[in-house]
Amino acid sequence: MRHKIITSICCLIIAITATAQRNSETIGTQSLSDYVSIYGRVTDYNNQPIDSCSVSVSNADFSTLYETYSDSLGSYRIDSIPKGCYAAICAMRPKEYPRMLQVPKDEMRLEFWAWNVIAHKDINLDIRYGKLELYGTKAFFEYGGRQELLIYTRPMSVTKSISYENFADKEDAEINGSKVTVEPQYMTFEVYADGRPLEIYSVQHLSLPHLNGNAQNVKGNDDCYLIQASIPIDIYNHGDTPYEIRLVGYNSEFDEWGENVYYLEAPQYIWRSE
């Protein structure tokens, strides 16, 4: 009798332990499935790795949520990011940012940006950044109308930015400094969707007031652009993974390159047949 009781107790302990282990594994799996990783490589325009580059995921107010730095091979990785949509990813080598005043002027660079970061799955984002910053990039298209992709961007030149004597003073430079955007005679673009080149039909130059929260525009309008490109052929059956729309810009006036990414979510419509 005593042997049977001991056996029953042992079996009960084994069953409880196994159940707890299964529950733990389930909880762990569920927990892990709620997170994604963002990873890739940071290089310059000669494909040389850039180490010590800050890569950060930002809130809508540009405060930093998650941050890491690239290693000697230019590789970076941020794990345990909750699934969701984030405003932006920003990449830059802090010491090379002009207002830090830590490197000679000819080594200064502006940021790389990725916008509308739809992080429902892991993201492999390779980054190249240089002396041209393509800011505020947004991609969109008209459903059921013209079959084209439209991309807005505002390119900014580091060479023009640091030509102002007091460029390190942000407020003074933005109100009184020279215009830093790039005129249309110097700008050319390339557009890619998930790494595949898209045909550019037209580039429309926009001249918009540079208010920047100020009451008046002191130094003239910003040069912005609306780019008309071919739409990806699988736009309506791309699945639930967003497109990586990558815009590459070149400023021939100062031999400056820069690029930007916008994550475009393809529409997911229900199809029914009679």
C-alpha atoms as a PDB file:
ATOM      1  CA  MET A   1       0.000   0.000   0.000  1.00  0.00           C
ATOM      2  CA  ARG A   2       2.767   2.370   0.979  1.00  0.00           C
ATOM      3  CA  HIS A   3       4.577   1.546  -2.296  1.00  0.00           C
ATOM      4  CA  LYS A   4       1.451   2.408  -4.313  1.00  0.00           C
ATOM      5  CA  ILE A   5       1.091   5.784  -2.524  1.00  0.00           C
ATOM      6  CA  ILE A   6       4.732   6.673  -3.191  1.00  0.00           C
ATOM      7  CA  THR A   7       4.349   5.649  -6.829  1.00  0.00           C
ATOM      8  CA  SER A   8       1.198   7.745  -7.176  1.00  0.00           C
ATOM      9  CA  ILE A   9       2.902  10.774  -5.622  1.00  0.00           C
ATOM     10  CA  CYS A  10       5.896  10.392  -7.975  1.00  0.00           C
ATOM     11  CA  CYS A  11       3.598  10.152 -10.988  1.00  0.00           C
ATOM     12  CA  LEU A  12       1.712  13.245  -9.827  1.00  0.00           C
ATOM     13  CA  ILE A  13       4.972  15.201  -9.422  1.00  0.00           C
ATOM     14  CA  ILE A  14       6.129  14.132 -12.883  1.00  0.00           C
ATOM     15  CA  ALA A  15       2.778  15.159 -14.404  1.00  0.00           C
ATOM     16  CA  ILE A  16       2.805  18.556 -12.661  1.00  0.00           C
ATOM     17  CA  THR A  17       6.409  19.160 -13.748  1.00  0.00           C
ATOM     18  CA  ALA A  18       5.662  18.233 -17.360  1.00  0.00           C
ATOM     19  CA  THR A  19       2.573  20.468 -17.416  1.00  0.00           C
ATOM     20  CA  ALA A  20       4.546  23.385 -15.968  1.00  0.00           C
ATOM     21  CA  GLN A  21       7.301  22.838 -18.526  1.00  0.00           C
ATOM     22  CA  ARG A  22       4.776  22.806 -21.400  1.00  0.00           C
ATOM     23  CA  ASN A  23       3.115  25.954 -20.077  1.00  0.00           C
ATOM     24  CA  SER A  24       6.493  27.625 -19.747  1.00  0.00           C
ATOM     25  CA  GLU A  25       7.408  26.708 -23.309  1.00  0.00           C
ATOM     26  CA  THR A  26       4.049  27.971 -24.598  1.00  0.00           C
ATOM     27  CA  ILE A  27       4.375  31.250 -22.724  1.00  0.00           C
ATOM     28  CA  GLY A  28       7.932  31.603 -23.966  1.00  0.00           C
ATOM     29  CA  THR A  29       6.880  30.921 -27.561  1.00  0.00           C
ATOM     30  CA  GLN A  30       4.016  33.388 -27.348  1.00  0.00           C
ATOM     31  CA  SER A  31       6.298  35.970 -25.817  1.00  0.00           C
ATOM     32  CA  LEU A  32       8.959  35.541 -28.474  1.00  0.00           C
ATOM     33  CA  SER A  33       6.375  35.720 -31.267  1.00  0.00           C
ATOM     34  CA  ASP A  34       5.419  39.207 -30.130  1.00  0.00           C
ATOM     35  CA  TYR A  35       8.892  40.585 -30.883  1.00  0.00           C
ATOM     36  CA  VAL A  36      10.979  41.204 -33.993  1.00  0.00           C
ATOM     37  CA  SER A  37      14.591  42.007 -34.831  1.00  0.00           C
ATOM     38  CA  ILE A  38      15.985  44.739 -37.075  1.00  0.00           C
ATOM     39  CA  TYR A  39      19.426  44.046 -38.471  1.00  0.00           C
ATOM     40  CA  GLY A  40      21.713  44.762 -41.395  1.00  0.00           C
ATOM     41  CA  ARG A  41      24.951  46.415 -42.422  1.00  0.00           C
ATOM     42  CA  VAL A  42      26.105  50.040 -42.561  1.00  0.00           C
ATOM     43  CA  THR A  43      28.420  51.055 -45.409  1.00  0.00           C
ATOM     44  CA  ASP A  44      29.558  54.129 -47.298  1.00  0.00           C
ATOM     45  CA  TYR A  45      29.128  54.638 -51.044  1.00  0.00           C
ATOM     46  CA  ASN A  46      32.328  52.716 -51.749  1.00  0.00           C
ATOM     47  CA  ASN A  47      30.809  49.714 -49.946  1.00  0.00           C
ATOM     48  CA  GLN A  48      33.251  50.111 -47.080  1.00  0.00           C
ATOM     49  CA  PRO A  49      31.884  49.183 -43.626  1.00  0.00           C
ATOM     50  CA  ILE A  50      31.111  51.964 -41.184  1.00  0.00           C
ATOM     51  CA  ASP A  51      31.682  51.080 -37.547  1.00  0.00           C
ATOM     52  CA  SER A  52      30.416  52.970 -34.486  1.00  0.00           C
ATOM     53  CA  CYS A  53      27.302  54.074 -36.374  1.00  0.00           C
ATOM     54  CA  SER A  54      24.269  54.672 -34.198  1.00  0.00           C
ATOM     55  CA  VAL A  55      21.130  52.908 -35.464  1.00  0.00           C
ATOM     56  CA  SER A  56      18.022  53.852 -33.511  1.00  0.00           C
ATOM     57  CA  VAL A  57      14.274  53.239 -33.661  1.00  0.00           C
ATOM     58  CA  SER A  58      12.330  56.406 -32.928  1.00  0.00           C
ATOM     59  CA  ASN A  59       9.014  57.428 -31.439  1.00  0.00           C
ATOM     60  CA  ALA A  60       6.801  59.823 -33.392  1.00  0.00           C
ATOM     61  CA  ASP A  61       8.375  62.723 -31.461  1.00  0.00           C
ATOM     62  CA  PHE A  62      11.859  61.496 -32.537  1.00  0.00           C
ATOM     63  CA  SER A  63      12.788  60.338 -29.050  1.00  0.00           C
ATOM     64  CA  THR A  64      14.832  57.139 -29.082  1.00  0.00           C
ATOM     65  CA  LEU A  65      13.131  53.850 -28.267  1.00  0.00           C
ATOM     66  CA  TYR A  66      15.887  51.353 -29.128  1.00  0.00           C
ATOM     67  CA  GLU A  67      19.493  51.918 -30.156  1.00  0.00           C
ATOM     68  CA  THR A  68      22.597  49.983 -31.068  1.00  0.00           C
ATOM     69  CA  TYR A  69      25.927  50.605 -32.833  1.00  0.00           C
ATOM     70  CA  SER A  70      27.514  48.947 -35.851  1.00  0.00           C
ATOM     71  CA  ASP A  71      30.604  46.821 -35.308  1.00  0.00           C
ATOM     72  CA  SER A  72      33.915  46.770 -37.192  1.00  0.00           C
ATOM     73  CA  LEU A  73      32.251  44.996 -40.141  1.00  0.00           C
ATOM     74  CA  GLY A  74      29.432  47.519 -40.235  1.00  0.00           C
ATOM     75  CA  SER A  75      26.954  44.964 -38.890  1.00  0.00           C
ATOM     76  CA  TYR A  76      24.244  45.897 -36.409  1.00  0.00           C
ATOM     77  CA  ARG A  77      21.281  44.164 -34.796  1.00  0.00           C
ATOM     78  CA  ILE A  78      18.466  45.220 -32.463  1.00  0.00           C
ATOM     79  CA  ASP A  79      16.496  42.355 -30.921  1.00  0.00           C
ATOM     80  CA  SER A  80      13.370  42.177 -28.757  1.00  0.00           C
ATOM     81  CA  ILE A  81      11.489  44.988 -30.482  1.00  0.00           C
ATOM     82  CA  PRO A  82       7.727  44.665 -29.880  1.00  0.00           C
ATOM     83  CA  LYS A  83       5.780  44.148 -33.087  1.00  0.00           C
ATOM     84  CA  GLY A  84       4.173  47.301 -34.405  1.00  0.00           C
ATOM     85  CA  CYS A  85       4.614  50.344 -36.605  1.00  0.00           C
ATOM     86  CA  TYR A  86       7.338  52.825 -35.675  1.00  0.00           C
ATOM     87  CA  ALA A  87       7.843  56.346 -36.960  1.00  0.00           C
ATOM     88  CA  ALA A  88      11.439  56.084 -38.112  1.00  0.00           C
ATOM     89  CA  ILE A  89      14.869  54.484 -38.000  1.00  0.00           C
ATOM     90  CA  CYS A  90      17.767  56.926 -37.936  1.00  0.00           C
ATOM     91  CA  ALA A  91      21.397  56.043 -38.626  1.00  0.00           C
ATOM     92  CA  MET A  92      24.447  58.246 -38.253  1.00  0.00           C
ATOM     93  CA  ARG A  93      27.947  58.214 -36.872  1.00  0.00           C
ATOM     94  CA  PRO A  94      27.551  60.703 -34.021  1.00  0.00           C
ATOM     95  CA  LYS A  95      31.016  62.224 -34.280  1.00  0.00           C
ATOM     96  CA  GLU A  96      30.461  62.951 -37.998  1.00  0.00           C
ATOM     97  CA  TYR A  97      27.269  64.918 -37.469  1.00  0.00           C
ATOM     98  CA  PRO A  98      28.102  68.566 -38.310  1.00  0.00           C
ATOM     99  CA  ARG A  99      26.914  70.163 -35.078  1.00  0.00           C
ATOM    100  CA  MET A 100      29.088  67.835 -33.007  1.00  0.00           C
ATOM    101  CA  LEU A 101      32.212  69.597 -34.367  1.00  0.00           C
ATOM    102  CA  GLN A 102      34.349  66.471 -33.806  1.00  0.00           C
ATOM    103  CA  VAL A 103      35.739  65.852 -37.308  1.00  0.00           C
ATOM    104  CA  PRO A 104      37.033  68.063 -40.147  1.00  0.00           C
ATOM    105  CA  LYS A 105      34.363  69.537 -42.397  1.00  0.00           C
ATOM    106  CA  ASP A 106      35.174  67.226 -45.293  1.00  0.00           C
ATOM    107  CA  GLU A 107      34.362  64.204 -43.072  1.00  0.00           C
ATOM    108  CA  MET A 108      30.974  65.456 -41.881  1.00  0.00           C
ATOM    109  CA  ARG A 109      27.839  63.576 -42.959  1.00  0.00           C
ATOM    110  CA  LEU A 110      24.092  63.797 -42.515  1.00  0.00           C
ATOM    111  CA  GLU A 111      21.659  61.091 -41.417  1.00  0.00           C
ATOM    112  CA  PHE A 112      20.075  58.118 -43.125  1.00  0.00           C
ATOM    113  CA  TRP A 113      16.345  57.705 -42.443  1.00  0.00           C
ATOM    114  CA  ALA A 114      13.841  54.893 -42.828  1.00  0.00           C
ATOM    115  CA  TRP A 115      10.225  55.988 -42.395  1.00  0.00           C
ATOM    116  CA  ASN A 116       6.949  54.276 -41.469  1.00  0.00           C
ATOM    117  CA  VAL A 117       8.735  51.209 -40.129  1.00  0.00           C
ATOM    118  CA  ILE A 118       6.151  48.400 -40.251  1.00  0.00           C
ATOM    119  CA  ALA A 119       7.735  45.842 -37.949  1.00  0.00           C
ATOM    120  CA  HIS A 120       5.377  42.869 -38.055  1.00  0.00           C
ATOM    121  CA  LYS A 121       8.264  40.585 -39.044  1.00  0.00           C
ATOM    122  CA  ASP A 122      12.057  40.760 -38.773  1.00  0.00           C
ATOM    123  CA  ILE A 123      13.520  43.510 -40.959  1.00  0.00           C
ATOM    124  CA  ASN A 124      16.803  43.278 -42.828  1.00  0.00           C
ATOM    125  CA  LEU A 125      17.738  46.923 -43.455  1.00  0.00           C
ATOM    126  CA  ASP A 126      21.070  47.681 -45.107  1.00  0.00           C
ATOM    127  CA  ILE A 127      22.125  51.291 -44.679  1.00  0.00           C
ATOM    128  CA  ARG A 128      24.292  53.603 -46.764  1.00  0.00           C
ATOM    129  CA  TYR A 129      24.599  57.179 -45.687  1.00  0.00           C
ATOM    130  CA  GLY A 130      26.700  60.041 -46.868  1.00  0.00           C
ATOM    131  CA  LYS A 131      26.728  63.794 -47.360  1.00  0.00           C
ATOM    132  CA  LEU A 132      23.208  64.078 -48.794  1.00  0.00           C
ATOM    133  CA  GLU A 133      20.192  63.605 -46.547  1.00  0.00           C
ATOM    134  CA  LEU A 134      16.840  62.749 -48.118  1.00  0.00           C
ATOM    135  CA  TYR A 135      14.415  63.919 -45.481  1.00  0.00           C
ATOM    136  CA  GLY A 136      10.688  63.372 -44.956  1.00  0.00           C
ATOM    137  CA  THR A 137      10.431  60.752 -47.702  1.00  0.00           C
ATOM    138  CA  LYS A 138       6.972  59.297 -48.234  1.00  0.00           C
ATOM    139  CA  ALA A 139       5.717  56.856 -50.884  1.00  0.00           C
ATOM    140  CA  PHE A 140       2.073  56.437 -51.881  1.00  0.00           C
ATOM    141  CA  PHE A 141      -0.119  55.498 -54.826  1.00  0.00           C
ATOM    142  CA  GLU A 142      -3.636  56.047 -56.078  1.00  0.00           C
ATOM    143  CA  TYR A 143      -5.746  52.898 -55.927  1.00  0.00           C
ATOM    144  CA  GLY A 144      -7.919  52.336 -58.984  1.00  0.00           C
ATOM    145  CA  GLY A 145      -6.629  55.406 -60.794  1.00  0.00           C
ATOM    146  CA  ARG A 146      -3.262  56.174 -62.326  1.00  0.00           C
ATOM    147  CA  GLN A 147      -0.964  53.175 -62.039  1.00  0.00           C
ATOM    148  CA  GLU A 148       2.089  54.875 -60.639  1.00  0.00           C
ATOM    149  CA  LEU A 149       4.050  55.282 -57.465  1.00  0.00           C
ATOM    150  CA  LEU A 150       4.536  58.802 -56.090  1.00  0.00           C
ATOM    151  CA  ILE A 151       7.413  59.644 -53.764  1.00  0.00           C
ATOM    152  CA  TYR A 152       7.939  62.926 -51.938  1.00  0.00           C
ATOM    153  CA  THR A 153      11.351  63.899 -50.539  1.00  0.00           C
ATOM    154  CA  ARG A 154      13.415  66.914 -49.470  1.00  0.00           C
ATOM    155  CA  PRO A 155      17.180  66.556 -50.125  1.00  0.00           C
ATOM    156  CA  MET A 156      19.614  68.458 -47.902  1.00  0.00           C
ATOM    157  CA  SER A 157      23.307  69.010 -48.637  1.00  0.00           C
ATOM    158  CA  VAL A 158      25.879  68.851 -45.847  1.00  0.00           C
ATOM    159  CA  THR A 159      28.246  71.016 -47.933  1.00  0.00           C
ATOM    160  CA  LYS A 160      25.653  73.775 -48.153  1.00  0.00           C
ATOM    161  CA  SER A 161      24.764  73.338 -44.489  1.00  0.00           C
ATOM    162  CA  ILE A 162      28.297  73.803 -43.165  1.00  0.00           C
ATOM    163  CA  SER A 163      29.010  76.715 -45.501  1.00  0.00           C
ATOM    164  CA  TYR A 164      27.144  78.952 -43.048  1.00  0.00           C
ATOM    165  CA  GLU A 165      29.630  80.344 -40.542  1.00  0.00           C
ATOM    166  CA  ASN A 166      27.469  79.609 -37.505  1.00  0.00           C
ATOM    167  CA  PHE A 167      26.090  76.234 -38.707  1.00  0.00           C
ATOM    168  CA  ALA A 168      26.620  74.627 -35.287  1.00  0.00           C
ATOM    169  CA  ASP A 169      23.895  76.872 -33.802  1.00  0.00           C
ATOM    170  CA  LYS A 170      20.715  75.073 -34.918  1.00  0.00           C
ATOM    171  CA  GLU A 171      18.279  77.916 -34.296  1.00  0.00           C
ATOM    172  CA  ASP A 172      20.478  80.584 -35.890  1.00  0.00           C
ATOM    173  CA  ALA A 173      21.325  78.373 -38.879  1.00  0.00           C
ATOM    174  CA  GLU A 174      17.679  77.502 -39.574  1.00  0.00           C
ATOM    175  CA  ILE A 175      16.478  81.104 -39.357  1.00  0.00           C
ATOM    176  CA  ASN A 176      19.408  83.029 -40.803  1.00  0.00           C
ATOM    177  CA  GLY A 177      21.600  80.478 -42.552  1.00  0.00           C
ATOM    178  CA  SER A 178      21.783  79.800 -46.256  1.00  0.00           C
ATOM    179  CA  LYS A 179      19.351  77.402 -47.925  1.00  0.00           C
ATOM    180  CA  VAL A 180      20.536  73.783 -47.598  1.00  0.00           C
ATOM    181  CA  THR A 181      18.200  71.998 -50.029  1.00  0.00           C
ATOM    182  CA  VAL A 182      19.340  71.066 -53.543  1.00  0.00           C
ATOM    183  CA  GLU A 183      18.236  72.831 -56.747  1.00  0.00           C
ATOM    184  CA  PRO A 184      16.703  70.705 -59.538  1.00  0.00           C
ATOM    185  CA  GLN A 185      19.549  71.191 -62.023  1.00  0.00           C
ATOM    186  CA  TYR A 186      21.810  69.230 -59.659  1.00  0.00           C
ATOM    187  CA  MET A 187      19.476  66.447 -58.439  1.00  0.00           C
ATOM    188  CA  THR A 188      18.999  62.978 -59.897  1.00  0.00           C
ATOM    189  CA  PHE A 189      17.182  60.012 -58.341  1.00  0.00           C
ATOM    190  CA  GLU A 190      16.879  56.237 -58.456  1.00  0.00           C
ATOM    191  CA  VAL A 191      13.958  54.249 -57.002  1.00  0.00           C
ATOM    192  CA  TYR A 192      13.888  50.607 -55.872  1.00  0.00           C
ATOM    193  CA  ALA A 193      11.129  48.371 -54.515  1.00  0.00           C
ATOM    194  CA  ASP A 194      12.524  45.460 -52.475  1.00  0.00           C
ATOM    195  CA  GLY A 195      15.810  45.941 -54.318  1.00  0.00           C
ATOM    196  CA  ARG A 196      14.283  45.942 -57.815  1.00  0.00           C
ATOM    197  CA  PRO A 197      14.700  49.161 -59.843  1.00  0.00           C
ATOM    198  CA  LEU A 198      11.558  51.059 -60.804  1.00  0.00           C
ATOM    199  CA  GLU A 199      11.281  53.237 -63.889  1.00  0.00           C
ATOM    200  CA  ILE A 200      11.104  56.968 -63.147  1.00  0.00           C
ATOM    201  CA  TYR A 201       8.552  58.730 -65.355  1.00  0.00           C
ATOM    202  CA  SER A 202       9.030  62.282 -64.104  1.00  0.00           C
ATOM    203  CA  VAL A 203      10.536  64.385 -61.314  1.00  0.00           C
ATOM    204  CA  GLN A 204       8.502  67.403 -60.294  1.00  0.00           C
ATOM    205  CA  HIS A 205      10.327  70.213 -58.497  1.00  0.00           C
ATOM    206  CA  LEU A 206       8.421  71.832 -55.626  1.00  0.00           C
ATOM    207  CA  SER A 207       9.419  75.138 -54.074  1.00  0.00           C
ATOM    208  CA  LEU A 208       7.878  75.269 -50.598  1.00  0.00           C
ATOM    209  CA  PRO A 209       8.200  77.906 -47.856  1.00  0.00           C
ATOM    210  CA  HIS A 210      10.758  76.960 -45.233  1.00  0.00           C
ATOM    211  CA  LEU A 211       8.687  78.003 -42.227  1.00  0.00           C
ATOM    212  CA  ASN A 212      10.125  75.429 -39.797  1.00  0.00           C
ATOM    213  CA  GLY A 213       7.934  76.838 -37.027  1.00  0.00           C
ATOM    214  CA  ASN A 214       9.125  80.382 -37.695  1.00  0.00           C
ATOM    215  CA  ALA A 215       6.951  83.349 -38.565  1.00  0.00           C
ATOM    216  CA  GLN A 216       8.742  84.034 -41.821  1.00  0.00           C
ATOM    217  CA  ASN A 217      11.079  82.476 -44.322  1.00  0.00           C
ATOM    218  CA  VAL A 218      14.329  84.425 -44.280  1.00  0.00           C
ATOM    219  CA  LYS A 219      16.414  82.722 -46.945  1.00  0.00           C
ATOM    220  CA  GLY A 220      14.011  81.498 -49.617  1.00  0.00           C
ATOM    221  CA  ASN A 221      12.003  78.375 -50.263  1.00  0.00           C
ATOM    222  CA  ASP A 222      13.017  74.745 -49.796  1.00  0.00           C
ATOM    223  CA  ASP A 223      13.594  72.594 -52.861  1.00  0.00           C
ATOM    224  CA  CYS A 224      11.433  69.476 -52.599  1.00  0.00           C
ATOM    225  CA  TYR A 225      10.530  66.828 -55.164  1.00  0.00           C
ATOM    226  CA  LEU A 226       7.610  64.650 -56.196  1.00  0.00           C
ATOM    227  CA  ILE A 227       8.861  61.635 -58.135  1.00  0.00           C
ATOM    228  CA  GLN A 228       6.565  59.656 -60.417  1.00  0.00           C
ATOM    229  CA  ALA A 229       7.703  56.052 -60.868  1.00  0.00           C
ATOM    230  CA  SER A 230       6.358  52.734 -62.092  1.00  0.00           C
ATOM    231  CA  ILE A 231       4.302  50.799 -59.582  1.00  0.00           C
ATOM    232  CA  PRO A 232       5.499  47.311 -58.501  1.00  0.00           C
ATOM    233  CA  ILE A 233       3.705  44.752 -60.660  1.00  0.00           C
ATOM    234  CA  ASP A 234       2.664  42.642 -57.648  1.00  0.00           C
ATOM    235  CA  ILE A 235       1.256  45.567 -55.655  1.00  0.00           C
ATOM    236  CA  TYR A 236      -2.125  43.870 -55.098  1.00  0.00           C
ATOM    237  CA  ASN A 237      -0.821  40.374 -54.291  1.00  0.00           C
ATOM    238  CA  HIS A 238       2.347  41.177 -52.372  1.00  0.00           C
ATOM    239  CA  GLY A 239       1.125  39.520 -49.175  1.00  0.00           C
ATOM    240  CA  ASP A 240       1.395  41.003 -45.709  1.00  0.00           C
ATOM    241  CA  THR A 241       5.042  42.099 -45.988  1.00  0.00           C
ATOM    242  CA  PRO A 242       5.510  45.819 -46.709  1.00  0.00           C
ATOM    243  CA  TYR A 243       7.598  47.006 -49.622  1.00  0.00           C
ATOM    244  CA  GLU A 244      10.959  48.563 -48.916  1.00  0.00           C
ATOM    245  CA  ILE A 245      10.825  51.607 -51.190  1.00  0.00           C
ATOM    246  CA  ARG A 246      14.400  52.880 -51.388  1.00  0.00           C
ATOM    247  CA  LEU A 247      15.130  56.293 -52.855  1.00  0.00           C
ATOM    248  CA  VAL A 248      18.719  57.105 -53.850  1.00  0.00           C
ATOM    249  CA  GLY A 249      19.708  60.678 -54.606  1.00  0.00           C
ATOM    250  CA  TYR A 250      22.784  62.324 -56.110  1.00  0.00           C
ATOM    251  CA  ASN A 251      23.745  65.998 -55.888  1.00  0.00           C
ATOM    252  CA  SER A 252      26.117  66.705 -58.782  1.00  0.00           C
ATOM    253  CA  GLU A 253      26.978  70.192 -57.509  1.00  0.00           C
ATOM    254  CA  PHE A 254      29.024  68.786 -54.618  1.00  0.00           C
ATOM    255  CA  ASP A 255      29.298  65.084 -55.564  1.00  0.00           C
ATOM    256  CA  GLU A 256      27.044  64.032 -52.676  1.00  0.00           C
ATOM    257  CA  TRP A 257      25.107  60.775 -52.334  1.00  0.00           C
ATOM    258  CA  GLY A 258      22.309  59.877 -49.958  1.00  0.00           C
ATOM    259  CA  GLU A 259      19.376  57.524 -49.658  1.00  0.00           C
ATOM    260  CA  ASN A 260      16.235  56.889 -47.706  1.00  0.00           C
ATOM    261  CA  VAL A 261      13.707  54.119 -47.157  1.00  0.00           C
ATOM    262  CA  TYR A 262       9.944  54.207 -46.811  1.00  0.00           C
ATOM    263  CA  TYR A 263       7.986  51.085 -45.858  1.00  0.00           C
ATOM    264  CA  LEU A 264       4.889  50.931 -48.034  1.00  0.00           C
ATOM    265  CA  GLU A 265       2.134  48.563 -46.999  1.00  0.00           C
ATOM    266  CA  ALA A 266       0.268  47.079 -49.939  1.00  0.00           C
ATOM    267  CA  PRO A 267      -3.531  47.011 -49.545  1.00  0.00           C
ATOM    268  CA  GLN A 268      -5.076  43.759 -48.368  1.00  0.00           C
ATOM    269  CA  TYR A 269      -8.535  43.617 -49.905  1.00  0.00           C
ATOM    270  CA  ILE A 270     -11.001  40.758 -49.662  1.00  0.00           C
ATOM    271  CA  TRP A 271     -11.817  39.085 -52.969  1.00  0.00           C
ATOM    272  CA  ARG A 272     -15.119  37.257 -53.396  1.00  0.00           C
ATOM    273  CA  SER A 273     -16.632  35.591 -56.431  1.00  0.00           C
ATOM    274  CA  GLU A 274     -20.327  35.019 -57.140  1.00  0.00           C
END
